[in-house]
Amino acid sequence: MKINNFLSFLLFSFQLVAGDYYDTLGLSKDASDRDIKKAYRNLSKKYHPDKNPGDEEAHHKFLEIGEAYDVLSDEEKRKIYDQYGEEGLKHGGAPPRQNGGFDFFDQMFGGGGGFNQGNRGGGGKQRGKDAHTELTATLKEFYNGVGKEFSLDMQNICEDCKGSGSEDGIDHTCGVCGGSGIRLIKRQLGPGMFQQIQTHCDRCQGKGKVIENLCHKCQGNGVVRKIRDYHFHLEPGSDRGHVEKFEQESDQHPDIIPGDLHVAVKESPDGNMGYRRKHNDLYRTEPITLKEALVGGWERNIGFLDLDYNTITLKRNSGEMIVDGEIEIIKGKGMPLKDGADEFGDLYVEYKIIYPGGSAKAAKKLKDEL
């Protein structure tokens, strides 16, 4: 029983030594998303390099705050971190494994092993988050297809330092960990009993190198905000809500592979020329007078969505009646089918009778016309 209690104590002590993202932001583990955003906003302002020029300690604190926020603001990363800690993030959400296994007592009492052996440099870069934005296109543009251009303010690798964050391009060996990226922490647990733990060096963020001469353009961050220009072609007949994907065009960072940029194209309420779309078909409500509905003998041309300024002819011969709400189907005058060889949906025209006012003068006029 005493041995079990002792082992539990050692495990608890072991977890406490590792750096904690919640402590970095001054939060408890049950902090809400709103609490995390608020803490990040306040602390990043306080330690921002622009407010602390030349203060290297503030700069590193700023980087720590950003790293903590990146993990805790992401639901999936936060779950992994809460369960496995920082090492779990490096191993894709799985508990860290060591070469030849992990000898608990070696770690506790000064043996070899260690959390970082066999893992540093493995697994490659993590993939960054995808970015999402929206554009609009008119129904006429969805019908004919159109080239779309847009610009976005995105995070880019600093061109001056190539993402290193260093003005002179020199990375200096960390004076705290001696370039290993690891700190050894040793504690005496009792007479002749010691606990030795390896953890990431908080001075160099586990990289083993530090920047002494910060890049003036990016303030040592390795990234800057910059406007990027994009263009693509919206194909005729594309679906409303069509998503155009730009691979690896999300925010850039030296330590990650950029995610993708997703651009959703919504239909604008303007420029529809009185037409409505439902899948591959078009719909239109056409007003007619009571006289036109009762006796026929009329013809009219209505504008269409194509780029050739074609018109569609609607007509009724003399004596042909129309009832209110009657629908006429015109084959092949709907939306073009995307990737279809000259195939189109249909046009549905609903006739709406406009009745005259109730005055005696209006009634007499209608009687004379009939």
Protein backbone atom coordinates (compact mmCIF):
# COMPACT_ATOMS: atom_id res chain seq x y z
CA MET A 1 0.00 0.00 0.00
CA LYS A 2 2.84 2.36 0.91
CA ILE A 3 4.61 1.56 -2.36
CA ASN A 4 1.46 2.41 -4.36
CA ASN A 5 1.08 5.71 -2.53
CA PHE A 6 4.73 6.51 -3.14
CA LEU A 7 4.43 5.77 -6.87
CA SER A 8 1.31 7.93 -7.10
CA PHE A 9 3.20 10.76 -5.44
CA LEU A 10 6.09 10.40 -7.89
CA LEU A 11 3.75 10.47 -10.90
CA PHE A 12 1.98 13.54 -9.56
CA SER A 13 5.31 15.29 -8.97
CA PHE A 14 6.44 14.35 -12.45
CA GLN A 15 3.43 16.03 -14.09
CA LEU A 16 3.85 19.23 -12.12
CA VAL A 17 7.33 19.98 -13.42
CA ALA A 18 6.37 20.26 -17.09
CA GLY A 19 5.54 23.71 -18.41
CA ASP A 20 1.83 24.51 -18.34
CA TYR A 21 -0.03 26.50 -21.01
CA TYR A 22 -2.80 27.34 -18.56
CA ASP A 23 -0.26 28.91 -16.19
CA THR A 24 1.21 30.88 -19.08
CA LEU A 25 -2.17 32.53 -19.67
CA GLY A 26 -2.99 32.70 -15.95
CA LEU A 27 -5.98 30.37 -16.29
CA SER A 28 -7.39 27.27 -14.65
CA LYS A 29 -8.02 24.04 -16.58
CA ASP A 30 -11.76 24.67 -16.69
CA ALA A 31 -11.33 28.04 -18.43
CA SER A 32 -13.90 28.77 -21.14
CA ASP A 33 -13.06 29.73 -24.73
CA ARG A 34 -14.02 33.29 -23.87
CA ASP A 35 -11.63 33.31 -20.89
CA ILE A 36 -8.81 32.03 -23.10
CA LYS A 37 -9.37 34.68 -25.77
CA LYS A 38 -9.59 37.45 -23.18
CA ALA A 39 -6.39 36.37 -21.41
CA TYR A 40 -4.52 36.08 -24.70
CA ARG A 41 -5.69 39.49 -25.87
CA ASN A 42 -4.60 41.19 -22.64
CA LEU A 43 -1.24 39.42 -22.28
CA SER A 44 -0.25 39.73 -25.95
CA LYS A 45 -0.81 43.48 -25.75
CA LYS A 46 1.24 43.70 -22.55
CA TYR A 47 4.25 41.77 -23.89
CA HIS A 48 4.07 42.77 -27.57
CA PRO A 49 7.56 43.61 -28.98
CA ASP A 50 6.30 47.00 -30.19
CA LYS A 51 5.58 47.97 -26.57
CA ASN A 52 8.80 46.43 -25.25
CA PRO A 53 11.52 47.28 -27.81
CA GLY A 54 14.80 45.56 -27.06
CA ASP A 55 13.34 43.57 -24.13
CA GLU A 56 14.29 40.01 -24.99
CA GLU A 57 12.53 38.57 -21.95
CA ALA A 58 9.26 40.24 -22.98
CA HIS A 59 9.76 38.94 -26.52
CA HIS A 60 10.09 35.35 -25.34
CA LYS A 61 7.12 35.79 -23.04
CA PHE A 62 5.15 37.02 -26.07
CA LEU A 63 6.11 33.87 -28.00
CA GLU A 64 5.10 31.64 -25.05
CA ILE A 65 1.72 33.36 -24.86
CA GLY A 66 1.16 32.80 -28.58
CA GLU A 67 2.10 29.12 -28.32
CA ALA A 68 -0.22 28.60 -25.35
CA TYR A 69 -3.12 30.30 -27.14
CA ASP A 70 -2.55 28.28 -30.32
CA VAL A 71 -3.07 25.07 -28.36
CA LEU A 72 -5.81 26.07 -25.92
CA SER A 73 -7.94 27.87 -28.53
CA ASP A 74 -8.06 24.73 -30.70
CA GLU A 75 -10.59 22.22 -29.33
CA GLU A 76 -8.77 19.13 -30.62
CA LYS A 77 -5.30 20.30 -29.54
CA ARG A 78 -6.64 21.24 -26.11
CA LYS A 79 -8.09 17.75 -25.60
CA ILE A 80 -4.76 16.16 -26.51
CA TYR A 81 -2.86 18.56 -24.27
CA ASP A 82 -5.18 17.99 -21.30
CA GLN A 83 -4.75 14.22 -21.64
CA TYR A 84 -1.10 13.81 -22.65
CA GLY A 85 0.53 17.21 -22.17
CA GLU A 86 2.88 18.93 -24.59
CA GLU A 87 4.53 15.66 -25.60
CA GLY A 88 1.17 14.32 -26.77
CA LEU A 89 0.87 17.18 -29.26
CA LYS A 90 4.16 16.17 -30.82
CA HIS A 91 3.01 12.59 -31.27
CA GLY A 92 -0.34 13.24 -32.92
CA GLY A 93 -2.39 12.80 -29.76
CA ALA A 94 -0.80 9.56 -28.59
CA PRO A 95 1.17 9.16 -25.36
CA PRO A 96 4.91 9.67 -25.96
CA ARG A 97 7.03 6.54 -26.46
CA GLN A 98 10.75 6.19 -25.95
CA ASN A 99 13.41 4.08 -27.66
CA GLY A 100 13.34 0.72 -25.97
CA GLY A 101 10.42 1.74 -23.76
CA PHE A 102 10.23 4.12 -20.80
CA ASP A 103 11.87 3.00 -17.57
CA PHE A 104 9.97 4.82 -14.86
CA PHE A 105 12.61 4.28 -12.17
CA ASP A 106 15.46 5.33 -14.47
CA GLN A 107 13.62 8.59 -15.02
CA MET A 108 12.85 9.06 -11.34
CA PHE A 109 16.33 8.30 -10.05
CA GLY A 110 18.62 9.72 -12.69
CA GLY A 111 18.82 7.00 -15.33
CA GLY A 112 19.05 7.44 -19.11
CA GLY A 113 15.92 7.37 -21.28
CA GLY A 114 14.16 10.70 -21.11
CA PHE A 115 11.11 11.96 -22.91
CA ASN A 116 12.87 13.48 -25.90
CA GLN A 117 15.22 10.69 -26.92
CA GLY A 118 14.37 9.23 -30.29
CA ASN A 119 11.61 11.80 -30.88
CA ARG A 120 13.39 15.04 -31.73
CA GLY A 121 13.13 15.79 -35.42
CA GLY A 122 10.75 12.90 -36.05
CA GLY A 123 7.30 13.04 -37.57
CA GLY A 124 7.93 16.14 -39.69
CA LYS A 125 6.03 19.40 -39.45
CA GLN A 126 2.48 19.65 -38.22
CA ARG A 127 -0.20 20.86 -40.63
CA GLY A 128 -1.69 24.28 -39.90
CA LYS A 129 -5.36 25.23 -39.73
CA ASP A 130 -7.42 25.74 -42.88
CA ALA A 131 -8.69 29.24 -43.66
CA HIS A 132 -12.22 30.04 -44.87
CA THR A 133 -13.76 33.05 -46.62
CA GLU A 134 -16.82 33.89 -48.76
CA LEU A 135 -17.48 35.68 -52.05
CA THR A 136 -20.71 36.46 -53.90
CA ALA A 137 -21.73 36.00 -57.53
CA THR A 138 -24.93 37.03 -59.31
CA LEU A 139 -27.28 34.46 -60.83
CA LYS A 140 -26.15 35.71 -64.24
CA GLU A 141 -22.53 34.96 -63.28
CA PHE A 142 -23.50 31.47 -62.08
CA TYR A 143 -25.25 30.95 -65.44
CA ASN A 144 -22.41 32.15 -67.69
CA GLY A 145 -19.35 31.52 -65.54
CA VAL A 146 -17.02 34.30 -64.48
CA GLY A 147 -13.46 35.01 -63.37
CA LYS A 148 -13.34 36.01 -59.69
CA GLU A 149 -10.52 38.00 -58.10
CA PHE A 150 -10.08 38.81 -54.42
CA SER A 151 -7.44 39.74 -51.86
CA LEU A 152 -6.89 38.57 -48.27
CA ASP A 153 -4.72 39.72 -45.39
CA MET A 154 -2.75 36.58 -44.53
CA GLN A 155 0.21 35.58 -42.38
CA ASN A 156 3.35 35.10 -44.47
CA ILE A 157 6.94 33.99 -43.89
CA CYS A 158 9.07 37.11 -43.38
CA GLU A 159 11.00 37.73 -46.60
CA ASP A 160 13.81 39.61 -44.84
CA CYS A 161 14.84 36.80 -42.49
CA LYS A 162 13.29 33.85 -44.40
CA GLY A 163 11.33 32.91 -41.31
CA SER A 164 14.31 32.63 -38.97
CA GLY A 165 13.39 35.74 -36.96
CA SER A 166 17.06 36.74 -36.90
CA GLU A 167 18.41 39.97 -38.39
CA ASP A 168 21.85 38.48 -39.05
CA GLY A 169 20.69 34.94 -39.74
CA ILE A 170 22.62 33.56 -36.78
CA ASP A 171 21.04 31.25 -34.22
CA HIS A 172 22.97 31.23 -30.96
CA THR A 173 23.25 28.22 -28.70
CA CYS A 174 20.85 28.51 -25.78
CA GLY A 175 22.77 29.32 -22.61
CA VAL A 176 20.20 27.64 -20.38
CA CYS A 177 20.11 24.16 -21.91
CA GLY A 178 23.45 24.25 -23.76
CA GLY A 179 21.76 23.62 -27.09
CA SER A 180 20.00 20.39 -26.15
CA GLY A 181 16.54 21.94 -25.92
CA ILE A 182 16.08 20.01 -22.68
CA ARG A 183 16.24 21.02 -19.06
CA LEU A 184 17.05 18.49 -16.34
CA ILE A 185 15.24 19.09 -13.08
CA LYS A 186 16.35 17.13 -10.04
CA ARG A 187 14.47 17.02 -6.76
CA GLN A 188 15.16 15.24 -3.50
CA LEU A 189 12.10 13.27 -2.45
CA GLY A 190 13.56 11.78 0.68
CA PRO A 191 16.81 10.52 2.23
CA GLY A 192 18.88 9.16 -0.63
CA MET A 193 15.94 9.42 -3.05
CA PHE A 194 15.94 11.82 -5.97
CA GLN A 195 13.61 12.60 -8.85
CA GLN A 196 15.15 13.65 -12.19
CA ILE A 197 12.90 14.90 -14.95
CA GLN A 198 13.53 16.08 -18.50
CA THR A 199 11.37 18.90 -19.80
CA HIS A 200 11.52 21.37 -22.67
CA CYS A 201 13.73 24.37 -22.11
CA ASP A 202 11.42 27.37 -21.73
CA ARG A 203 14.21 29.75 -22.80
CA CYS A 204 14.54 28.36 -26.33
CA GLN A 205 11.16 26.56 -26.54
CA GLY A 206 12.98 23.24 -26.88
CA LYS A 207 14.86 24.28 -30.04
CA GLY A 208 18.32 24.58 -28.49
CA LYS A 209 18.89 27.89 -30.29
CA VAL A 210 18.00 31.48 -29.44
CA ILE A 211 17.92 34.69 -31.46
CA GLU A 212 19.94 37.57 -30.06
CA ASN A 213 19.58 40.01 -32.97
CA LEU A 214 15.87 40.18 -33.79
CA CYS A 215 14.70 40.85 -37.34
CA HIS A 216 13.43 44.43 -37.50
CA LYS A 217 10.65 43.60 -39.94
CA CYS A 218 9.00 40.73 -38.05
CA GLN A 219 10.35 41.47 -34.53
CA GLY A 220 11.74 37.96 -34.33
CA ASN A 221 8.44 36.23 -35.06
CA GLY A 222 9.51 34.96 -38.48
CA VAL A 223 6.12 35.95 -39.95
CA VAL A 224 4.39 39.15 -41.09
CA ARG A 225 0.88 40.07 -42.26
CA LYS A 226 0.64 40.69 -46.00
CA ILE A 227 -2.06 41.08 -48.66
CA ARG A 228 -2.26 38.14 -51.06
CA ASP A 229 -4.10 38.30 -54.40
CA TYR A 230 -6.10 35.33 -55.71
CA HIS A 231 -8.17 34.52 -58.78
CA PHE A 232 -10.13 31.55 -60.10
CA HIS A 233 -12.80 30.78 -62.71
CA LEU A 234 -16.35 30.00 -61.57
CA GLU A 235 -17.61 27.43 -64.07
CA PRO A 236 -21.07 27.88 -65.71
CA GLY A 237 -23.74 26.07 -63.72
CA SER A 238 -21.67 25.89 -60.52
CA ASP A 239 -23.69 25.15 -57.40
CA ARG A 240 -24.66 27.92 -55.02
CA GLY A 241 -22.20 27.63 -52.18
CA HIS A 242 -19.53 26.21 -54.50
CA VAL A 243 -16.21 25.96 -52.61
CA GLU A 244 -12.95 26.69 -54.41
CA LYS A 245 -9.90 25.22 -52.65
CA PHE A 246 -6.41 26.72 -52.74
CA GLU A 247 -3.98 24.12 -51.40
CA GLN A 248 -1.53 25.25 -48.69
CA GLU A 249 -2.64 28.88 -49.02
CA SER A 250 -3.66 29.37 -45.38
CA ASP A 251 -1.47 31.25 -42.87
CA GLN A 252 2.23 30.46 -43.09
CA HIS A 253 4.65 29.74 -40.23
CA PRO A 254 8.22 28.41 -40.29
CA ASP A 255 7.29 25.43 -38.09
CA ILE A 256 4.14 24.24 -39.87
CA ILE A 257 2.86 23.14 -43.26
CA PRO A 258 0.17 25.68 -44.26
CA GLY A 259 -3.42 24.49 -44.34
CA ASP A 260 -5.73 25.07 -47.31
CA LEU A 261 -7.78 28.15 -48.16
CA HIS A 262 -11.48 27.44 -48.84
CA VAL A 263 -13.53 30.06 -50.72
CA ALA A 264 -17.33 29.59 -50.66
CA VAL A 265 -19.26 31.40 -53.42
CA LYS A 266 -22.75 32.51 -52.38
CA GLU A 267 -25.49 33.84 -54.70
CA SER A 268 -26.04 37.58 -54.57
CA PRO A 269 -29.68 38.78 -54.37
CA ASP A 270 -28.91 41.36 -57.07
CA GLY A 271 -28.64 40.88 -60.82
CA ASN A 272 -31.10 37.99 -61.16
CA MET A 273 -33.33 39.72 -63.78
CA GLY A 274 -36.45 38.34 -62.12
CA TYR A 275 -35.31 34.71 -62.21
CA ARG A 276 -34.98 32.31 -59.29
CA ARG A 277 -32.88 29.18 -59.19
CA LYS A 278 -33.74 25.76 -57.82
CA HIS A 279 -31.02 23.21 -58.53
CA ASN A 280 -30.68 23.18 -62.35
CA ASP A 281 -34.06 24.81 -63.09
CA LEU A 282 -35.08 28.46 -63.24
CA TYR A 283 -38.36 29.98 -62.04
CA ARG A 284 -40.05 33.24 -62.92
CA THR A 285 -43.34 34.95 -62.00
CA GLU A 286 -44.86 36.79 -64.98
CA PRO A 287 -47.68 39.33 -64.36
CA ILE A 288 -50.49 39.56 -66.95
CA THR A 289 -53.65 41.68 -67.11
CA LEU A 290 -57.13 40.23 -66.70
CA LYS A 291 -57.81 40.97 -70.36
CA GLU A 292 -54.71 39.02 -71.45
CA ALA A 293 -55.78 36.13 -69.25
CA LEU A 294 -59.34 36.00 -70.62
CA VAL A 295 -58.98 36.66 -74.37
CA GLY A 296 -55.34 35.97 -75.21
CA GLY A 297 -53.97 37.56 -78.37
CA TRP A 298 -50.72 38.89 -76.87
CA GLU A 299 -46.97 38.39 -77.17
CA ARG A 300 -43.98 39.72 -75.20
CA ASN A 301 -40.22 39.18 -75.09
CA ILE A 302 -38.43 38.96 -71.75
CA GLY A 303 -34.69 39.37 -71.19
CA PHE A 304 -32.60 36.32 -70.37
CA LEU A 305 -29.46 35.63 -68.36
CA ASP A 306 -27.05 34.73 -71.14
CA LEU A 307 -24.37 37.07 -72.44
CA ASP A 308 -25.81 37.23 -76.00
CA TYR A 309 -28.77 39.38 -74.91
CA ASN A 310 -31.19 36.73 -76.15
CA THR A 311 -34.84 36.99 -75.19
CA ILE A 312 -37.56 34.47 -74.43
CA THR A 313 -40.91 34.89 -76.18
CA LEU A 314 -44.10 34.41 -74.17
CA LYS A 315 -47.41 34.54 -76.07
CA ARG A 316 -51.01 33.39 -76.28
CA ASN A 317 -53.15 33.19 -79.40
CA SER A 318 -56.50 34.93 -79.53
CA GLY A 319 -59.07 33.01 -77.48
CA GLU A 320 -56.47 31.19 -75.35
CA MET A 321 -57.23 31.68 -71.68
CA ILE A 322 -54.86 31.57 -68.70
CA VAL A 323 -55.89 30.82 -65.14
CA ASP A 324 -54.21 32.52 -62.20
CA GLY A 325 -51.15 30.54 -61.07
CA GLU A 326 -50.88 28.57 -64.32
CA ILE A 327 -47.32 27.34 -64.96
CA GLU A 328 -45.71 27.09 -68.39
CA ILE A 329 -42.60 24.90 -68.72
CA ILE A 330 -40.03 25.94 -71.33
CA LYS A 331 -37.63 23.08 -71.92
CA GLY A 332 -33.88 23.73 -72.03
CA LYS A 333 -34.06 27.28 -70.72
CA GLY A 334 -32.84 26.58 -67.20
CA MET A 335 -29.32 26.58 -65.76
CA PRO A 336 -26.49 24.93 -67.67
CA LEU A 337 -25.50 21.61 -66.15
CA LYS A 338 -21.98 21.86 -64.80
CA ASP A 339 -19.62 19.66 -66.81
CA GLY A 340 -22.57 18.75 -69.05
CA ALA A 341 -22.23 18.90 -72.84
CA ASP A 342 -24.68 21.68 -73.74
CA GLU A 343 -27.28 20.33 -71.32
CA PHE A 344 -29.66 22.66 -69.50
CA GLY A 345 -32.43 22.52 -66.96
CA ASP A 346 -35.93 23.93 -67.61
CA LEU A 347 -37.61 27.30 -67.07
CA TYR A 348 -40.89 27.41 -65.10
CA VAL A 349 -43.01 30.52 -65.76
CA GLU A 350 -45.88 31.13 -63.34
CA TYR A 351 -48.55 33.58 -64.59
CA LYS A 352 -50.00 35.98 -62.05
CA ILE A 353 -53.19 37.86 -63.01
CA ILE A 354 -53.27 41.53 -62.04
CA TYR A 355 -56.91 42.44 -61.40
CA PRO A 356 -58.19 45.98 -62.06
CA GLY A 357 -59.22 48.32 -59.27
CA GLY A 358 -62.82 48.33 -58.02
CA SER A 359 -63.81 51.75 -59.40
CA ALA A 360 -66.72 52.10 -61.87
CA LYS A 361 -64.40 53.78 -64.35
CA ALA A 362 -61.98 50.82 -64.31
CA ALA A 363 -64.83 48.33 -64.70
CA LYS A 364 -66.27 50.27 -67.68
CA LYS A 365 -62.83 50.39 -69.32
CA LEU A 366 -62.38 46.63 -68.97
CA LYS A 367 -65.90 46.01 -70.36
CA ASP A 368 -65.16 48.17 -73.42
CA GLU A 369 -61.87 46.34 -74.03
CA LEU A 370 -63.56 42.95 -73.88
